[in-house]
C-alpha atoms as a PDB file:
ATOM      1  CA  UNK A   1     151.211  11.071 147.511  1.00  0.00           C
ATOM      2  CA  UNK A   2     148.078   9.051 145.769  1.00  0.00           C
ATOM      3  CA  UNK A   3     145.241  11.731 147.474  1.00  0.00           C
ATOM      4  CA  UNK A   4     147.151  14.618 145.881  1.00  0.00           C
ATOM      5  CA  UNK A   5     147.364  12.464 142.231  1.00  0.00           C
ATOM      6  CA  UNK A   6     143.857  11.970 142.380  1.00  0.00           C
ATOM      7  CA  UNK A   7     142.805  15.809 143.582  1.00  0.00           C
ATOM      8  CA  UNK A   8     144.865  17.234 140.435  1.00  0.00           C
ATOM      9  CA  UNK A   9     142.664  14.804 138.127  1.00  0.00           C
ATOM     10  CA  UNK A  10     139.550  16.243 139.657  1.00  0.00           C
ATOM     11  CA  UNK A  11     140.500  19.587 139.484  1.00  0.00           C
ATOM     12  CA  UNK A  12     141.547  19.137 135.861  1.00  0.00           C
ATOM     13  CA  UNK A  13     138.233  17.292 135.304  1.00  0.00           C
ATOM     14  CA  UNK A  14     136.417  20.310 136.600  1.00  0.00           C
ATOM     15  CA  UNK A  15     138.527  22.430 134.839  1.00  0.00           C
ATOM     16  CA  UNK A  16     137.646  20.949 131.342  1.00  0.00           C
ATOM     17  CA  UNK A  17     133.845  20.695 132.209  1.00  0.00           C
ATOM     18  CA  UNK A  18     134.000  24.912 133.157  1.00  0.00           C
ATOM     19  CA  UNK A  19     136.301  26.110 129.857  1.00  0.00           C
ATOM     20  CA  UNK A  20     132.659  25.301 127.152  1.00  0.00           C
ATOM     21  CA  UNK A  21     130.335  26.787 129.388  1.00  0.00           C
ATOM     22  CA  UNK A  22     132.732  30.193 129.767  1.00  0.00           C
ATOM     23  CA  UNK A  23     133.286  29.808 125.946  1.00  0.00           C
ATOM     24  CA  UNK A  24     129.824  30.398 125.285  1.00  0.00           C
ATOM     25  CA  UNK A  25     128.988  33.303 127.474  1.00  0.00           C
ATOM     26  CA  UNK A  26     131.828  34.872 125.562  1.00  0.00           C
ATOM     27  CA  UNK A  27     131.035  33.979 122.223  1.00  0.00           C
ATOM     28  CA  UNK A  28     127.214  34.837 123.402  1.00  0.00           C
ATOM     29  CA  UNK A  29     128.651  38.362 124.461  1.00  0.00           C
ATOM     30  CA  UNK A  30     130.511  38.636 121.593  1.00  0.00           C
ATOM     31  CA  UNK A  31     127.311  37.977 119.283  1.00  0.00           C
ATOM     32  CA  UNK A  32     124.882  40.679 121.222  1.00  0.00           C
ATOM     33  CA  UNK A  33     127.589  43.272 120.852  1.00  0.00           C
ATOM     34  CA  UNK A  34     127.547  42.365 117.013  1.00  0.00           C
ATOM     35  CA  UNK A  35     123.659  42.301 116.745  1.00  0.00           C
ATOM     36  CA  UNK A  36     123.926  45.588 118.681  1.00  0.00           C
ATOM     37  CA  UNK A  37     126.628  47.628 116.546  1.00  0.00           C
ATOM     38  CA  UNK A  38     124.628  46.039 113.561  1.00  0.00           C
ATOM     39  CA  UNK A  39     120.936  47.510 114.608  1.00  0.00           C
ATOM     40  CA  UNK A  40     122.746  50.824 115.845  1.00  0.00           C
ATOM     41  CA  UNK A  41     124.142  51.358 112.204  1.00  0.00           C
ATOM     42  CA  UNK A  42     121.094  50.063 110.856  1.00  0.00           C
ATOM     43  CA  UNK A  43     118.974  53.250 112.049  1.00  0.00           C
ATOM     44  CA  UNK A  44     118.904  56.212 110.959  1.00  0.00           C
ATOM     45  CA  UNK A  45     117.930  59.616 113.122  1.00  0.00           C
ATOM     46  CA  UNK A  46     117.299  62.883 110.992  1.00  0.00           C
ATOM     47  CA  UNK A  47     115.952  66.069 112.724  1.00  0.00           C
ATOM     48  CA  UNK A  48     113.661  68.490 111.745  1.00  0.00           C
ATOM     49  CA  UNK A  49     116.158  71.282 111.108  1.00  0.00           C
ATOM     50  CA  UNK A  50     118.468  68.626 108.571  1.00  0.00           C
ATOM     51  CA  UNK A  51     118.041  66.555 105.136  1.00  0.00           C
ATOM     52  CA  UNK A  52     119.767  62.816 106.013  1.00  0.00           C
ATOM     53  CA  UNK A  53     122.245  61.685 102.744  1.00  0.00           C
ATOM     54  CA  UNK A  54     122.660  58.011 102.820  1.00  0.00           C
ATOM     55  CA  UNK A  55     125.339  57.263 100.339  1.00  0.00           C
ATOM     56  CA  UNK A  56     126.644  53.927  99.176  1.00  0.00           C
ATOM     57  CA  UNK A  57     130.615  53.866  97.840  1.00  0.00           C
ATOM     58  CA  UNK A  58     130.062  57.702  98.057  1.00  0.00           C
ATOM     59  CA  UNK A  59     127.164  58.236  95.757  1.00  0.00           C
ATOM     60  CA  UNK A  60     124.041  59.365  96.996  1.00  0.00           C
ATOM     61  CA  UNK A  61     121.448  56.407  96.947  1.00  0.00           C
ATOM     62  CA  UNK A  62     118.542  58.744  99.128  1.00  0.00           C
ATOM     63  CA  UNK A  63     118.076  61.378 100.896  1.00  0.00           C
ATOM     64  CA  UNK A  64     115.667  61.503 103.982  1.00  0.00           C
ATOM     65  CA  UNK A  65     113.960  64.984 104.649  1.00  0.00           C
ATOM     66  CA  UNK A  66     111.554  63.923 106.984  1.00  0.00           C
ATOM     67  CA  UNK A  67     112.362  63.694 110.654  1.00  0.00           C
ATOM     68  CA  UNK A  68     112.388  60.666 112.568  1.00  0.00           C
ATOM     69  CA  UNK A  69     114.033  57.121 112.276  1.00  0.00           C
ATOM     70  CA  UNK A  70     115.049  55.276 109.033  1.00  0.00           C
ATOM     71  CA  UNK A  71     116.989  52.463 107.600  1.00  0.00           C
ATOM     72  CA  UNK A  72     120.169  51.911 105.741  1.00  0.00           C
ATOM     73  CA  UNK A  73     122.250  49.029 104.780  1.00  0.00           C
ATOM     74  CA  UNK A  74     124.706  48.773 107.695  1.00  0.00           C
ATOM     75  CA  UNK A  75     128.479  48.926 107.197  1.00  0.00           C
ATOM     76  CA  UNK A  76     127.962  49.808 103.213  1.00  0.00           C
ATOM     77  CA  UNK A  77     126.135  52.479 103.082  1.00  0.00           C
ATOM     78  CA  UNK A  78     126.952  55.914 104.854  1.00  0.00           C
ATOM     79  CA  UNK A  79     125.046  58.866 106.016  1.00  0.00           C
ATOM     80  CA  UNK A  80     125.919  62.755 106.117  1.00  0.00           C
ATOM     81  CA  UNK A  81     123.781  65.562 106.686  1.00  0.00           C
ATOM     82  CA  UNK A  82     122.788  68.821 105.293  1.00  0.00           C
ATOM     83  CA  UNK A  83     121.293  71.918 106.738  1.00  0.00           C
ATOM     84  CA  UNK A  84     117.235  72.709 106.417  1.00  0.00           C
ATOM     85  CA  UNK A  85     117.307  75.512 108.299  1.00  0.00           C
ATOM     86  CA  UNK A  86     117.698  79.142 106.605  1.00  0.00           C
ATOM     87  CA  UNK A  87     121.219  80.138 106.491  1.00  0.00           C
ATOM     88  CA  UNK A  88     123.365  83.059 107.122  1.00  0.00           C
ATOM     89  CA  UNK A  89     125.991  84.242 104.909  1.00  0.00           C
ATOM     90  CA  UNK A  90     128.152  87.892 106.067  1.00  0.00           C
ATOM     91  CA  UNK A  91     129.689  89.154 102.998  1.00  0.00           C
ATOM     92  CA  UNK A  92     133.257  91.142 103.524  1.00  0.00           C
ATOM     93  CA  UNK A  93     132.946  94.395 103.570  1.00  0.00           C
ATOM     94  CA  UNK A  94     133.923  95.932 100.015  1.00  0.00           C
ATOM     95  CA  UNK A  95     134.332  98.887  97.617  1.00  0.00           C
ATOM     96  CA  UNK A  96     131.835  99.698  94.808  1.00  0.00           C
ATOM     97  CA  UNK A  97     131.854 102.463  92.414  1.00  0.00           C
ATOM     98  CA  UNK A  98     128.478 104.310  91.279  1.00  0.00           C
ATOM     99  CA  UNK A  99     127.605 105.585  88.166  1.00  0.00           C
ATOM    100  CA  UNK A 100     128.433 109.219  88.776  1.00  0.00           C
ATOM    101  CA  UNK A 101     132.026 108.031  89.747  1.00  0.00           C
ATOM    102  CA  UNK A 102     131.803 107.976  93.797  1.00  0.00           C
ATOM    103  CA  UNK A 103     133.258 104.935  95.858  1.00  0.00           C
ATOM    104  CA  UNK A 104     131.264 103.766  98.381  1.00  0.00           C
ATOM    105  CA  UNK A 105     131.860 100.948 100.802  1.00  0.00           C
ATOM    106  CA  UNK A 106     128.848  97.846 100.501  1.00  0.00           C
ATOM    107  CA  UNK A 107     128.754  95.449 103.511  1.00  0.00           C
ATOM    108  CA  UNK A 108     125.877  92.760 102.791  1.00  0.00           C
ATOM    109  CA  UNK A 109     124.659  89.618 104.167  1.00  0.00           C
ATOM    110  CA  UNK A 110     122.672  86.786 102.106  1.00  0.00           C
ATOM    111  CA  UNK A 111     119.763  84.677 103.541  1.00  0.00           C
ATOM    112  CA  UNK A 112     119.738  81.501 101.446  1.00  0.00           C
ATOM    113  CA  UNK A 113     118.196  77.591 102.255  1.00  0.00           C
ATOM    114  CA  UNK A 114     119.196  74.016 100.549  1.00  0.00           C
ATOM    115  CA  UNK A 115     115.913  72.902  98.142  1.00  0.00           C
ATOM    116  CA  UNK A 116     117.308  70.436  96.563  1.00  0.00           C
ATOM    117  CA  UNK A 117     120.094  68.443  98.369  1.00  0.00           C
ATOM    118  CA  UNK A 118     120.793  66.156  95.318  1.00  0.00           C
ATOM    119  CA  UNK A 119     121.475  68.645  93.194  1.00  0.00           C
ATOM    120  CA  UNK A 120     123.426  70.601  95.993  1.00  0.00           C
ATOM    121  CA  UNK A 121     125.899  67.540  96.675  1.00  0.00           C
ATOM    122  CA  UNK A 122     125.950  67.036  92.806  1.00  0.00           C
ATOM    123  CA  UNK A 123     127.575  70.699  92.048  1.00  0.00           C
ATOM    124  CA  UNK A 124     129.006  72.358  95.543  1.00  0.00           C
ATOM    125  CA  UNK A 125     128.762  69.128  97.836  1.00  0.00           C
ATOM    126  CA  UNK A 126     129.770  71.413 101.024  1.00  0.00           C
ATOM    127  CA  UNK A 127     128.512  74.150 103.009  1.00  0.00           C
ATOM    128  CA  UNK A 128     131.953  76.178 102.506  1.00  0.00           C
ATOM    129  CA  UNK A 129     131.501  75.430  98.357  1.00  0.00           C
ATOM    130  CA  UNK A 130     128.093  77.044  98.767  1.00  0.00           C
ATOM    131  CA  UNK A 131     129.347  79.797 100.357  1.00  0.00           C
ATOM    132  CA  UNK A 132     131.915  81.091  97.965  1.00  0.00           C
ATOM    133  CA  UNK A 133     129.602  80.637  95.028  1.00  0.00           C
ATOM    134  CA  UNK A 134     127.259  82.846  96.823  1.00  0.00           C
ATOM    135  CA  UNK A 135     129.824  85.240  97.525  1.00  0.00           C
ATOM    136  CA  UNK A 136     130.871  85.614  93.969  1.00  0.00           C
ATOM    137  CA  UNK A 137     127.589  85.836  92.671  1.00  0.00           C
ATOM    138  CA  UNK A 138     125.982  88.423  95.159  1.00  0.00           C
ATOM    139  CA  UNK A 139     129.114  90.417  94.873  1.00  0.00           C
ATOM    140  CA  UNK A 140     128.781  90.765  91.114  1.00  0.00           C
ATOM    141  CA  UNK A 141     125.622  91.418  90.939  1.00  0.00           C
ATOM    142  CA  UNK A 142     125.964  94.180  94.240  1.00  0.00           C
ATOM    143  CA  UNK A 143     128.807  95.643  92.155  1.00  0.00           C
ATOM    144  CA  UNK A 144     125.998  95.944  88.439  1.00  0.00           C
ATOM    145  CA  UNK A 145     123.587  97.502  90.302  1.00  0.00           C
ATOM    146  CA  UNK A 146     125.539 100.140  91.685  1.00  0.00           C
ATOM    147  CA  UNK A 147     127.441 100.938  89.524  1.00  0.00           C
ATOM    148  CA  UNK A 148     124.248 101.905  87.063  1.00  0.00           C
ATOM    149  CA  UNK A 149     123.149 104.048  89.860  1.00  0.00           C
ATOM    150  CA  UNK A 150     123.692 107.251  91.207  1.00  0.00           C
ATOM    151  CA  UNK A 151     125.348 107.718  94.813  1.00  0.00           C
ATOM    152  CA  UNK A 152     121.880 109.524  95.669  1.00  0.00           C
ATOM    153  CA  UNK A 153     119.957 106.900  94.516  1.00  0.00           C
ATOM    154  CA  UNK A 154     121.782 104.182  96.715  1.00  0.00           C
ATOM    155  CA  UNK A 155     121.697 105.723  99.503  1.00  0.00           C
ATOM    156  CA  UNK A 156     117.703 106.488  99.322  1.00  0.00           C
ATOM    157  CA  UNK A 157     117.467 102.501  97.901  1.00  0.00           C
ATOM    158  CA  UNK A 158     118.524 101.429 100.840  1.00  0.00           C
ATOM    159  CA  UNK A 159     114.940 101.002 102.571  1.00  0.00           C
ATOM    160  CA  UNK A 160     114.563  97.923 100.508  1.00  0.00           C
ATOM    161  CA  UNK A 161     114.762  99.060  96.974  1.00  0.00           C
ATOM    162  CA  UNK A 162     118.440  98.425  96.519  1.00  0.00           C
ATOM    163  CA  UNK A 163     117.672  94.631  97.644  1.00  0.00           C
ATOM    164  CA  UNK A 164     114.899  94.153  95.279  1.00  0.00           C
ATOM    165  CA  UNK A 165     116.986  95.363  92.221  1.00  0.00           C
ATOM    166  CA  UNK A 166     120.075  93.100  93.444  1.00  0.00           C
ATOM    167  CA  UNK A 167     117.598  90.054  93.816  1.00  0.00           C
ATOM    168  CA  UNK A 168     116.547  90.569  90.190  1.00  0.00           C
ATOM    169  CA  UNK A 169     120.022  91.271  89.059  1.00  0.00           C
ATOM    170  CA  UNK A 170     120.737  87.684  90.456  1.00  0.00           C
ATOM    171  CA  UNK A 171     117.967  86.176  89.153  1.00  0.00           C
ATOM    172  CA  UNK A 172     117.432  82.295  89.141  1.00  0.00           C
ATOM    173  CA  UNK A 173     120.976  81.800  89.153  1.00  0.00           C
ATOM    174  CA  UNK A 174     121.214  79.730  92.121  1.00  0.00           C
ATOM    175  CA  UNK A 175     118.847  77.255  90.980  1.00  0.00           C
ATOM    176  CA  UNK A 176     121.926  75.065  89.404  1.00  0.00           C
ATOM    177  CA  UNK A 177     122.975  74.663  92.883  1.00  0.00           C
ATOM    178  CA  UNK A 178     119.513  73.203  94.488  1.00  0.00           C
ATOM    179  CA  UNK A 179     119.927  76.798  96.288  1.00  0.00           C
ATOM    180  CA  UNK A 180     116.997  79.116  97.207  1.00  0.00           C
ATOM    181  CA  UNK A 181     118.546  83.029  97.524  1.00  0.00           C
ATOM    182  CA  UNK A 182     116.032  83.974  99.678  1.00  0.00           C
ATOM    183  CA  UNK A 183     117.468  87.838 100.314  1.00  0.00           C
ATOM    184  CA  UNK A 184     120.458  89.968  99.855  1.00  0.00           C
ATOM    185  CA  UNK A 185     120.253  92.834 102.844  1.00  0.00           C
ATOM    186  CA  UNK A 186     122.378  95.587 103.240  1.00  0.00           C
ATOM    187  CA  UNK A 187     124.087  95.884 106.888  1.00  0.00           C
ATOM    188  CA  UNK A 188     126.216  98.886 106.380  1.00  0.00           C
ATOM    189  CA  UNK A 189     126.514 101.421 102.686  1.00  0.00           C
ATOM    190  CA  UNK A 190     129.057 104.390 103.628  1.00  0.00           C
ATOM    191  CA  UNK A 191     131.385 106.318 102.083  1.00  0.00           C
ATOM    192  CA  UNK A 192     135.225 105.497 102.825  1.00  0.00           C
ATOM    193  CA  UNK A 193     136.735 107.365 105.375  1.00  0.00           C
ATOM    194  CA  UNK A 194     139.496 108.800 103.511  1.00  0.00           C
ATOM    195  CA  UNK A 195     136.777 110.889 101.376  1.00  0.00           C
ATOM    196  CA  UNK A 196     133.547 110.969 103.415  1.00  0.00           C
ATOM    197  CA  UNK A 197     134.094 114.411 105.050  1.00  0.00           C
ATOM    198  CA  UNK A 198     134.776 115.929 101.174  1.00  0.00           C
ATOM    199  CA  UNK A 199     131.879 113.949  99.922  1.00  0.00           C
ATOM    200  CA  UNK A 200     129.441 115.325 102.919  1.00  0.00           C
ATOM    201  CA  UNK A 201     130.786 118.980 102.344  1.00  0.00           C
ATOM    202  CA  UNK A 202     129.878 118.588  98.280  1.00  0.00           C
ATOM    203  CA  UNK A 203     126.329 117.471  99.573  1.00  0.00           C
ATOM    204  CA  UNK A 204     125.824 120.427 102.007  1.00  0.00           C
ATOM    205  CA  UNK A 205     126.801 122.635  98.948  1.00  0.00           C
ATOM    206  CA  UNK A 206     124.785 121.028  96.563  1.00  0.00           C
ATOM    207  CA  UNK A 207     121.745 120.835  99.440  1.00  0.00           C
ATOM    208  CA  UNK A 208     122.556 124.886 100.276  1.00  0.00           C
ATOM    209  CA  UNK A 209     122.697 125.351  96.073  1.00  0.00           C
ATOM    210  CA  UNK A 210     118.748 123.609  95.541  1.00  0.00           C
ATOM    211  CA  UNK A 211     117.537 125.157  98.907  1.00  0.00           C
ATOM    212  CA  UNK A 212     118.736 128.841  97.528  1.00  0.00           C
ATOM    213  CA  UNK A 213     117.203 128.042  93.932  1.00  0.00           C
ATOM    214  CA  UNK A 214     113.941 126.911  95.579  1.00  0.00           C
ATOM    215  CA  UNK A 215     113.758 130.691  97.880  1.00  0.00           C
ATOM    216  CA  UNK A 216     115.163 132.303  94.751  1.00  0.00           C
ATOM    217  CA  UNK A 217     111.675 130.356  92.460  1.00  0.00           C
ATOM    218  CA  UNK A 218     109.548 131.144  95.366  1.00  0.00           C
ATOM    219  CA  UNK A 219     110.315 134.740  95.408  1.00  0.00           C
ATOM    220  CA  UNK A 220     109.785 135.350  91.697  1.00  0.00           C
ATOM    221  CA  UNK A 221     106.005 133.060  91.937  1.00  0.00           C
ATOM    222  CA  UNK A 222     105.585 135.825  95.096  1.00  0.00           C
ATOM    223  CA  UNK A 223     106.547 138.516  92.762  1.00  0.00           C
ATOM    224  CA  UNK A 224     104.142 137.251  89.639  1.00  0.00           C
ATOM    225  CA  UNK A 225     101.597 137.083  91.992  1.00  0.00           C
ATOM    226  CA  UNK A 226     101.459 140.420  93.416  1.00  0.00           C
ATOM    227  CA  UNK A 227     101.856 142.242  90.160  1.00  0.00           C
ATOM    228  CA  UNK A 228      98.989 139.791  89.126  1.00  0.00           C
ATOM    229  CA  UNK A 229      97.180 140.814  91.690  1.00  0.00           C
ATOM    230  CA  UNK A 230      98.087 144.800  91.546  1.00  0.00           C
ATOM    231  CA  UNK A 231      96.788 144.510  87.755  1.00  0.00           C
ATOM    232  CA  UNK A 232      93.475 142.880  88.736  1.00  0.00           C
ATOM    233  CA  UNK A 233      93.193 145.552  91.559  1.00  0.00           C
ATOM    234  CA  UNK A 234      93.890 148.269  89.053  1.00  0.00           C
ATOM    235  CA  UNK A 235      91.565 147.264  86.577  1.00  0.00           C
ATOM    236  CA  UNK A 236      88.664 146.648  89.312  1.00  0.00           C
ATOM    237  CA  UNK A 237      89.379 150.617  90.191  1.00  0.00           C
ATOM    238  CA  UNK A 238      89.133 151.699  87.504  1.00  0.00           C
ATOM    239  CA  UNK A 239      86.233 150.024  86.291  1.00  0.00           C
ATOM    240  CA  UNK A 240      84.414 150.784  89.166  1.00  0.00           C
ATOM    241  CA  UNK A 241      85.727 154.920  88.496  1.00  0.00           C
ATOM    242  CA  UNK A 242      84.847 154.208  85.214  1.00  0.00           C
ATOM    243  CA  UNK A 243      81.157 152.870  86.192  1.00  0.00           C
ATOM    244  CA  UNK A 244      80.785 155.441  88.908  1.00  0.00           C
ATOM    245  CA  UNK A 245      81.119 158.509  86.283  1.00  0.00           C
ATOM    246  CA  UNK A 246      78.395 157.268  84.140  1.00  0.00           C
ATOM    247  CA  UNK A 247      76.532 156.433  87.021  1.00  0.00           C
ATOM    248  CA  UNK A 248      77.421 160.197  87.515  1.00  0.00           C
ATOM    249  CA  UNK A 249      76.795 161.155  84.141  1.00  0.00           C
ATOM    250  CA  UNK A 250      73.351 159.767  83.883  1.00  0.00           C
ATOM    251  CA  UNK A 251      72.459 161.408  86.795  1.00  0.00           C
ATOM    252  CA  UNK A 252      73.569 164.759  85.655  1.00  0.00           C
ATOM    253  CA  UNK A 253      71.792 164.265  82.590  1.00  0.00           C
ATOM    254  CA  UNK A 254      68.289 162.742  83.920  1.00  0.00           C
ATOM    255  CA  UNK A 255      68.622 166.167  86.038  1.00  0.00           C
ATOM    256  CA  UNK A 256      69.023 168.115  83.109  1.00  0.00           C
ATOM    257  CA  UNK A 257      66.287 166.822  81.793  1.00  0.00           C
ATOM    258  CA  UNK A 258      64.168 167.222  84.756  1.00  0.00           C
ATOM    259  CA  UNK A 259      65.393 170.842  84.274  1.00  0.00           C
ATOM    260  CA  UNK A 260      64.360 170.907  80.856  1.00  0.00           C
ATOM    261  CA  UNK A 261      60.820 169.605  81.323  1.00  0.00           C
ATOM    262  CA  UNK A 262      60.371 172.072  84.228  1.00  0.00           C
ATOM    263  CA  UNK A 263      61.335 174.834  82.385  1.00  0.00           C
ATOM    264  CA  UNK A 264      59.147 174.184  79.353  1.00  0.00           C
ATOM    265  CA  UNK A 265      56.362 174.840  81.454  1.00  0.00           C
ATOM    266  CA  UNK A 266      56.044 178.590  81.827  1.00  0.00           C
ATOM    267  CA  UNK A 267      53.823 177.930  85.492  1.00  0.00           C
ATOM    268  CA  UNK A 268      56.158 175.262  86.369  1.00  0.00           C
ATOM    269  CA  UNK A 269      59.245 177.368  85.423  1.00  0.00           C
ATOM    270  CA  UNK A 270      58.377 180.754  87.462  1.00  0.00           C
ATOM    271  CA  UNK A 271      58.187 178.641  90.189  1.00  0.00           C
ATOM    272  CA  UNK A 272      61.400 176.724  90.171  1.00  0.00           C
ATOM    273  CA  UNK A 273      62.790 180.015  89.456  1.00  0.00           C
ATOM    274  CA  UNK A 274      61.620 181.469  92.504  1.00  0.00           C
ATOM    275  CA  UNK A 275      62.906 178.421  94.750  1.00  0.00           C
ATOM    276  CA  UNK A 276      66.537 178.948  93.008  1.00  0.00           C
ATOM    277  CA  UNK A 277      66.396 182.366  93.881  1.00  0.00           C
ATOM    278  CA  UNK A 278      65.449 181.678  97.265  1.00  0.00           C
ATOM    279  CA  UNK A 279      68.367 178.965  97.907  1.00  0.00           C
ATOM    280  CA  UNK A 280      70.615 181.779  96.385  1.00  0.00           C
ATOM    281  CA  UNK A 281      69.693 183.946  98.701  1.00  0.00           C
ATOM    282  CA  UNK A 282      70.289 181.794 101.669  1.00  0.00           C
ATOM    283  CA  UNK A 283      73.369 180.359 100.915  1.00  0.00           C
ATOM    284  CA  UNK A 284      74.109 184.056 100.486  1.00  0.00           C
ATOM    285  CA  UNK A 285      73.272 184.477 104.000  1.00  0.00           C
ATOM    286  CA  UNK A 286      74.568 181.344 105.372  1.00  0.00           C
ATOM    287  CA  UNK A 287      77.666 182.060 108.123  1.00  0.00           C
ATOM    288  CA  UNK A 288      77.864 185.289 107.428  1.00  0.00           C
ATOM    289  CA  UNK A 289      75.877 186.236 110.774  1.00  0.00           C
ATOM    290  CA  UNK A 290      74.456 188.896 108.908  1.00  0.00           C
ATOM    291  CA  UNK A 291      70.491 188.878 108.328  1.00  0.00           C
ATOM    292  CA  UNK A 292      69.827 191.464 106.002  1.00  0.00           C
ATOM    293  CA  UNK A 293      70.633 190.853 101.945  1.00  0.00           C
ATOM    294  CA  UNK A 294      71.169 193.916  99.954  1.00  0.00           C
ATOM    295  CA  UNK A 295      70.645 193.405  96.048  1.00  0.00           C
ATOM    296  CA  UNK A 296      70.676 195.505  93.098  1.00  0.00           C
ATOM    297  CA  UNK A 297      67.739 196.364  91.591  1.00  0.00           C
ATOM    298  CA  UNK A 298      68.760 194.896  88.555  1.00  0.00           C
ATOM    299  CA  UNK A 299      69.700 191.446  89.949  1.00  0.00           C
ATOM    300  CA  UNK A 300      67.992 188.706  88.522  1.00  0.00           C
ATOM    301  CA  UNK A 301      66.984 188.175  92.333  1.00  0.00           C
ATOM    302  CA  UNK A 302      65.529 191.113  92.788  1.00  0.00           C
ATOM    303  CA  UNK A 303      64.044 190.990  89.648  1.00  0.00           C
ATOM    304  CA  UNK A 304      61.975 187.176  90.784  1.00  0.00           C
ATOM    305  CA  UNK A 305      60.776 188.950  94.210  1.00  0.00           C
ATOM    306  CA  UNK A 306      59.955 191.812  92.512  1.00  0.00           C
ATOM    307  CA  UNK A 307      57.623 189.898  90.221  1.00  0.00           C
ATOM    308  CA  UNK A 308      56.447 187.903  93.566  1.00  0.00           C
ATOM    309  CA  UNK A 309      55.251 191.385  94.949  1.00  0.00           C
END
């Protein structure tokens, strides 16, 4: 019995010695955990594609835009993030009316980014609110721009002109929200299905009418050119014929002058008369097959030959 009592006393003493040691271990472990949590909650990790907002009691105290590690007050300050990269917002397809009262379906998307995160938080506070504001602003701009354009201009403007006009209509409206609106692009700009075929047929008819007009104008211009050319040719031929007749007349006048000079000299006159008589006789014998020329004694040619004898 005495041995049992002694053993119990020694065990109790040993237990009293061990209890403080275990308590210290637990305290150290708890302290280490607390320190780790404090250190972990004091560090901020900011990535390349985001802004980190440091808030204290709901108010933004600072904004971290550079990537890396930074510090905050543990358990008092909290953090939130906003995207720094370019965002895409897809607008729902909607009906719009052109200036010439034609209905079209516009399907567009917007490229945007946050350029002033503090102003963004103060005015919109979230991406969903920002997209709602962008949706209203861009849709109103699209509706205003297309309502001031005829349908054909809207269709041909899809190569970039329409986007530039819409951006000019929006202007710097989104600056007040800390948003940089980069571009409004058209995915789809088409006619409603219920009247698409009618519009296409009308467009084809209009193109055919224009083609017929161009053809008629071309034919008219060709006729005008042909008429002008024929007129110029007639004038040229008339001038050439007049010039030819003038030259012939001048030649005949020169011929008569030469004859006049020849007959003015008595000696030369007889010679020319003789030559002319020979030519006349030659002409009379030509093609007849006869070698005999019968002349009356009173004939001028016979008199010439008599004079020669």
